[in-house]
Amino acid sequence: MWPYSYLMSGSGTGGHYVELLETKLLGLLQRMLSFVEIDEAWYRTTYRDVDEAIRAGHLASAREHYVTSGYFENRFPYAIDVNEAWYLAEYPDVAEAIRTGAVSSAAQHFESNGFKEGRLPRPGWSLLKADNIA
């Protein structure tokens, strides 16, 4: 499942455009997001604003936040393990950015830009796979 910002960017190769009301797209995406595993403790620790909203009673859970807004804000549902060697081989521009000091690591690149660009942290990775949480 690609990040929302990537879906909306018009990036990609080939294919046909499909016109769809955004509310229907959001409904479809939220239905798919309901199957994403959420590490509640990690999410609340990582995103303090969400933890505060849950404590204040504005949200029921990290899952609720992720499905309704977190995904659309390019937040992660759990800590993502980036395969450094694979990532740098797959994305030589990132290896070059590390060489020049523009980014510090493959993980840092994925977290700051790669996810939003639709890059994978390791082969075959998907938000929808249940085996992603360590």
C-alpha atoms as a PDB file:
ATOM      1  CA  MET A   1       0.000   0.000   0.000  1.00  0.00           C
ATOM      2  CA  TRP A   2       1.554   3.278  -1.118  1.00  0.00           C
ATOM      3  CA  PRO A   3       1.580   6.403   1.062  1.00  0.00           C
ATOM      4  CA  TYR A   4      -1.318   8.777   0.498  1.00  0.00           C
ATOM      5  CA  SER A   5       0.986  11.590  -0.656  1.00  0.00           C
ATOM      6  CA  TYR A   6       2.431   9.258  -3.307  1.00  0.00           C
ATOM      7  CA  LEU A   7      -1.037   8.235  -4.494  1.00  0.00           C
ATOM      8  CA  MET A   8      -2.021  11.874  -4.887  1.00  0.00           C
ATOM      9  CA  SER A   9       1.230  13.009  -6.560  1.00  0.00           C
ATOM     10  CA  GLY A  10       0.557  11.760 -10.092  1.00  0.00           C
ATOM     11  CA  SER A  11       3.871   9.878  -9.989  1.00  0.00           C
ATOM     12  CA  GLY A  12       4.273   6.457 -11.446  1.00  0.00           C
ATOM     13  CA  THR A  13       4.500   4.920 -14.837  1.00  0.00           C
ATOM     14  CA  GLY A  14       1.804   4.291 -17.396  1.00  0.00           C
ATOM     15  CA  GLY A  15      -1.756   3.425 -16.630  1.00  0.00           C
ATOM     16  CA  HIS A  16      -4.989   5.318 -16.979  1.00  0.00           C
ATOM     17  CA  TYR A  17      -6.439   8.035 -14.821  1.00  0.00           C
ATOM     18  CA  VAL A  18      -9.601   7.205 -12.927  1.00  0.00           C
ATOM     19  CA  GLU A  19     -11.871   9.938 -11.660  1.00  0.00           C
ATOM     20  CA  LEU A  20     -13.155   9.300  -8.165  1.00  0.00           C
ATOM     21  CA  LEU A  21     -14.625  11.561  -5.511  1.00  0.00           C
ATOM     22  CA  GLU A  22     -12.049  12.069  -2.776  1.00  0.00           C
ATOM     23  CA  THR A  23     -14.558  11.046  -0.105  1.00  0.00           C
ATOM     24  CA  LYS A  24     -14.972   7.667  -1.821  1.00  0.00           C
ATOM     25  CA  LEU A  25     -11.205   7.268  -2.167  1.00  0.00           C
ATOM     26  CA  LEU A  26     -10.770   8.078   1.518  1.00  0.00           C
ATOM     27  CA  GLY A  27     -13.436   5.526   2.429  1.00  0.00           C
ATOM     28  CA  LEU A  28     -11.693   2.836   0.379  1.00  0.00           C
ATOM     29  CA  LEU A  29      -8.312   3.647   1.863  1.00  0.00           C
ATOM     30  CA  GLN A  30      -9.661   3.717   5.415  1.00  0.00           C
ATOM     31  CA  ARG A  31     -11.226   0.306   4.901  1.00  0.00           C
ATOM     32  CA  MET A  32      -7.853  -1.052   3.763  1.00  0.00           C
ATOM     33  CA  LEU A  33      -6.084   0.713   6.633  1.00  0.00           C
ATOM     34  CA  SER A  34      -8.269  -1.103   9.132  1.00  0.00           C
ATOM     35  CA  PHE A  35      -6.177  -4.208   8.285  1.00  0.00           C
ATOM     36  CA  VAL A  36      -2.823  -2.552   9.054  1.00  0.00           C
ATOM     37  CA  GLU A  37      -1.183  -3.748  12.265  1.00  0.00           C
ATOM     38  CA  ILE A  38      -0.679  -0.867  14.707  1.00  0.00           C
ATOM     39  CA  ASP A  39       1.877  -0.969  17.502  1.00  0.00           C
ATOM     40  CA  GLU A  40      -0.204   1.022  19.995  1.00  0.00           C
ATOM     41  CA  ALA A  41       2.604   1.566  22.506  1.00  0.00           C
ATOM     42  CA  TRP A  42       5.168   2.582  19.857  1.00  0.00           C
ATOM     43  CA  TYR A  43       2.691   4.883  18.114  1.00  0.00           C
ATOM     44  CA  ARG A  44       1.733   6.678  21.326  1.00  0.00           C
ATOM     45  CA  THR A  45       5.362   7.053  22.382  1.00  0.00           C
ATOM     46  CA  THR A  46       6.450   8.263  18.946  1.00  0.00           C
ATOM     47  CA  TYR A  47       3.528  10.612  18.357  1.00  0.00           C
ATOM     48  CA  ARG A  48       3.062  12.438  21.642  1.00  0.00           C
ATOM     49  CA  ASP A  49       0.203  14.538  20.237  1.00  0.00           C
ATOM     50  CA  VAL A  50      -1.772  11.348  19.640  1.00  0.00           C
ATOM     51  CA  ASP A  51      -1.013  10.088  23.137  1.00  0.00           C
ATOM     52  CA  GLU A  52      -2.222  13.391  24.584  1.00  0.00           C
ATOM     53  CA  ALA A  53      -5.418  13.254  22.492  1.00  0.00           C
ATOM     54  CA  ILE A  54      -6.103   9.697  23.711  1.00  0.00           C
ATOM     55  CA  ARG A  55      -5.469  10.703  27.328  1.00  0.00           C
ATOM     56  CA  ALA A  56      -7.833  13.679  26.908  1.00  0.00           C
ATOM     57  CA  GLY A  57     -10.544  11.421  25.490  1.00  0.00           C
ATOM     58  CA  HIS A  58     -10.501  12.932  21.985  1.00  0.00           C
ATOM     59  CA  LEU A  59      -9.386   9.642  20.430  1.00  0.00           C
ATOM     60  CA  ALA A  60     -10.093   6.060  21.425  1.00  0.00           C
ATOM     61  CA  SER A  61      -6.777   4.600  20.282  1.00  0.00           C
ATOM     62  CA  ALA A  62      -3.685   4.904  18.132  1.00  0.00           C
ATOM     63  CA  ARG A  63      -5.503   2.682  15.618  1.00  0.00           C
ATOM     64  CA  GLU A  64      -8.340   5.180  15.340  1.00  0.00           C
ATOM     65  CA  HIS A  65      -5.864   7.991  14.732  1.00  0.00           C
ATOM     66  CA  TYR A  66      -3.838   6.054  12.160  1.00  0.00           C
ATOM     67  CA  VAL A  67      -6.882   4.979  10.143  1.00  0.00           C
ATOM     68  CA  THR A  68      -8.590   8.369  10.171  1.00  0.00           C
ATOM     69  CA  SER A  69      -5.589  10.661   9.876  1.00  0.00           C
ATOM     70  CA  GLY A  70      -2.158   9.244  10.698  1.00  0.00           C
ATOM     71  CA  TYR A  71      -1.687   7.475   7.368  1.00  0.00           C
ATOM     72  CA  PHE A  72      -2.723  10.618   5.508  1.00  0.00           C
ATOM     73  CA  GLU A  73      -0.124  12.588   7.513  1.00  0.00           C
ATOM     74  CA  ASN A  74       2.617  10.107   6.459  1.00  0.00           C
ATOM     75  CA  ARG A  75       2.960   8.713   9.980  1.00  0.00           C
ATOM     76  CA  PHE A  76       4.105   5.136  10.510  1.00  0.00           C
ATOM     77  CA  PRO A  77       1.937   2.550  12.297  1.00  0.00           C
ATOM     78  CA  TYR A  78       5.000   0.894  13.886  1.00  0.00           C
ATOM     79  CA  ALA A  79       8.789   1.105  13.742  1.00  0.00           C
ATOM     80  CA  ILE A  80       9.884   0.270  10.205  1.00  0.00           C
ATOM     81  CA  ASP A  81      12.988  -1.868   9.798  1.00  0.00           C
ATOM     82  CA  VAL A  82      14.941  -0.633   6.768  1.00  0.00           C
ATOM     83  CA  ASN A  83      17.265  -3.134   5.095  1.00  0.00           C
ATOM     84  CA  GLU A  84      20.213  -0.770   4.640  1.00  0.00           C
ATOM     85  CA  ALA A  85      22.151  -2.830   2.077  1.00  0.00           C
ATOM     86  CA  TRP A  86      19.090  -3.553  -0.057  1.00  0.00           C
ATOM     87  CA  TYR A  87      17.809   0.025   0.151  1.00  0.00           C
ATOM     88  CA  LEU A  88      21.117   1.501  -0.987  1.00  0.00           C
ATOM     89  CA  ALA A  89      21.449  -1.022  -3.831  1.00  0.00           C
ATOM     90  CA  GLU A  90      17.846  -0.412  -4.913  1.00  0.00           C
ATOM     91  CA  TYR A  91      18.079   3.370  -4.632  1.00  0.00           C
ATOM     92  CA  PRO A  92      21.576   4.463  -5.707  1.00  0.00           C
ATOM     93  CA  ASP A  93      20.573   8.114  -5.398  1.00  0.00           C
ATOM     94  CA  VAL A  94      20.227   7.550  -1.648  1.00  0.00           C
ATOM     95  CA  ALA A  95      23.666   5.926  -1.494  1.00  0.00           C
ATOM     96  CA  GLU A  96      25.032   9.009  -3.243  1.00  0.00           C
ATOM     97  CA  ALA A  97      23.167  11.303  -0.819  1.00  0.00           C
ATOM     98  CA  ILE A  98      24.771   9.439   2.098  1.00  0.00           C
ATOM     99  CA  ARG A  99      28.194   9.677   0.433  1.00  0.00           C
ATOM    100  CA  THR A 100      27.815  13.464   0.114  1.00  0.00           C
ATOM    101  CA  GLY A 101      26.422  13.856   3.630  1.00  0.00           C
ATOM    102  CA  ALA A 102      22.953  14.989   2.548  1.00  0.00           C
ATOM    103  CA  VAL A 103      21.383  12.159   4.599  1.00  0.00           C
ATOM    104  CA  SER A 104      22.890  10.032   7.353  1.00  0.00           C
ATOM    105  CA  SER A 105      21.450   6.589   6.580  1.00  0.00           C
ATOM    106  CA  ALA A 106      18.956   4.594   4.555  1.00  0.00           C
ATOM    107  CA  ALA A 107      16.601   4.537   7.555  1.00  0.00           C
ATOM    108  CA  GLN A 108      16.789   8.316   7.943  1.00  0.00           C
ATOM    109  CA  HIS A 109      16.079   8.766   4.232  1.00  0.00           C
ATOM    110  CA  PHE A 110      13.125   6.367   4.312  1.00  0.00           C
ATOM    111  CA  GLU A 111      11.625   8.090   7.348  1.00  0.00           C
ATOM    112  CA  SER A 112      12.064  11.621   6.026  1.00  0.00           C
ATOM    113  CA  ASN A 113      11.471  11.170   2.285  1.00  0.00           C
ATOM    114  CA  GLY A 114      11.499   7.607   1.013  1.00  0.00           C
ATOM    115  CA  PHE A 115       8.114   6.559   2.372  1.00  0.00           C
ATOM    116  CA  LYS A 116       6.435   9.643   0.906  1.00  0.00           C
ATOM    117  CA  GLU A 117       8.119   8.892  -2.427  1.00  0.00           C
ATOM    118  CA  GLY A 118       6.721   5.343  -2.473  1.00  0.00           C
ATOM    119  CA  ARG A 119      10.054   3.622  -1.829  1.00  0.00           C
ATOM    120  CA  LEU A 120      10.140   0.302  -0.002  1.00  0.00           C
ATOM    121  CA  PRO A 121      12.289  -0.231   3.108  1.00  0.00           C
ATOM    122  CA  ARG A 122      13.010  -3.832   2.065  1.00  0.00           C
ATOM    123  CA  PRO A 123      11.949  -6.223  -0.700  1.00  0.00           C
ATOM    124  CA  GLY A 124       8.281  -7.207  -0.680  1.00  0.00           C
ATOM    125  CA  TRP A 125       7.364  -4.857   2.173  1.00  0.00           C
ATOM    126  CA  SER A 126       3.787  -3.615   2.505  1.00  0.00           C
ATOM    127  CA  LEU A 127       1.863  -1.832   5.239  1.00  0.00           C
ATOM    128  CA  LEU A 128      -0.766  -4.533   4.809  1.00  0.00           C
ATOM    129  CA  LYS A 129       1.509  -7.444   5.756  1.00  0.00           C
ATOM    130  CA  ALA A 130       1.001  -8.677   9.278  1.00  0.00           C
ATOM    131  CA  ASP A 131       4.618  -9.864   9.641  1.00  0.00           C
ATOM    132  CA  ASN A 132       6.052  -6.330   9.604  1.00  0.00           C
ATOM    133  CA  ILE A 133       6.035  -5.775  13.372  1.00  0.00           C
ATOM    134  CA  ALA A 134       9.006  -7.291  15.152  1.00  0.00           C
END
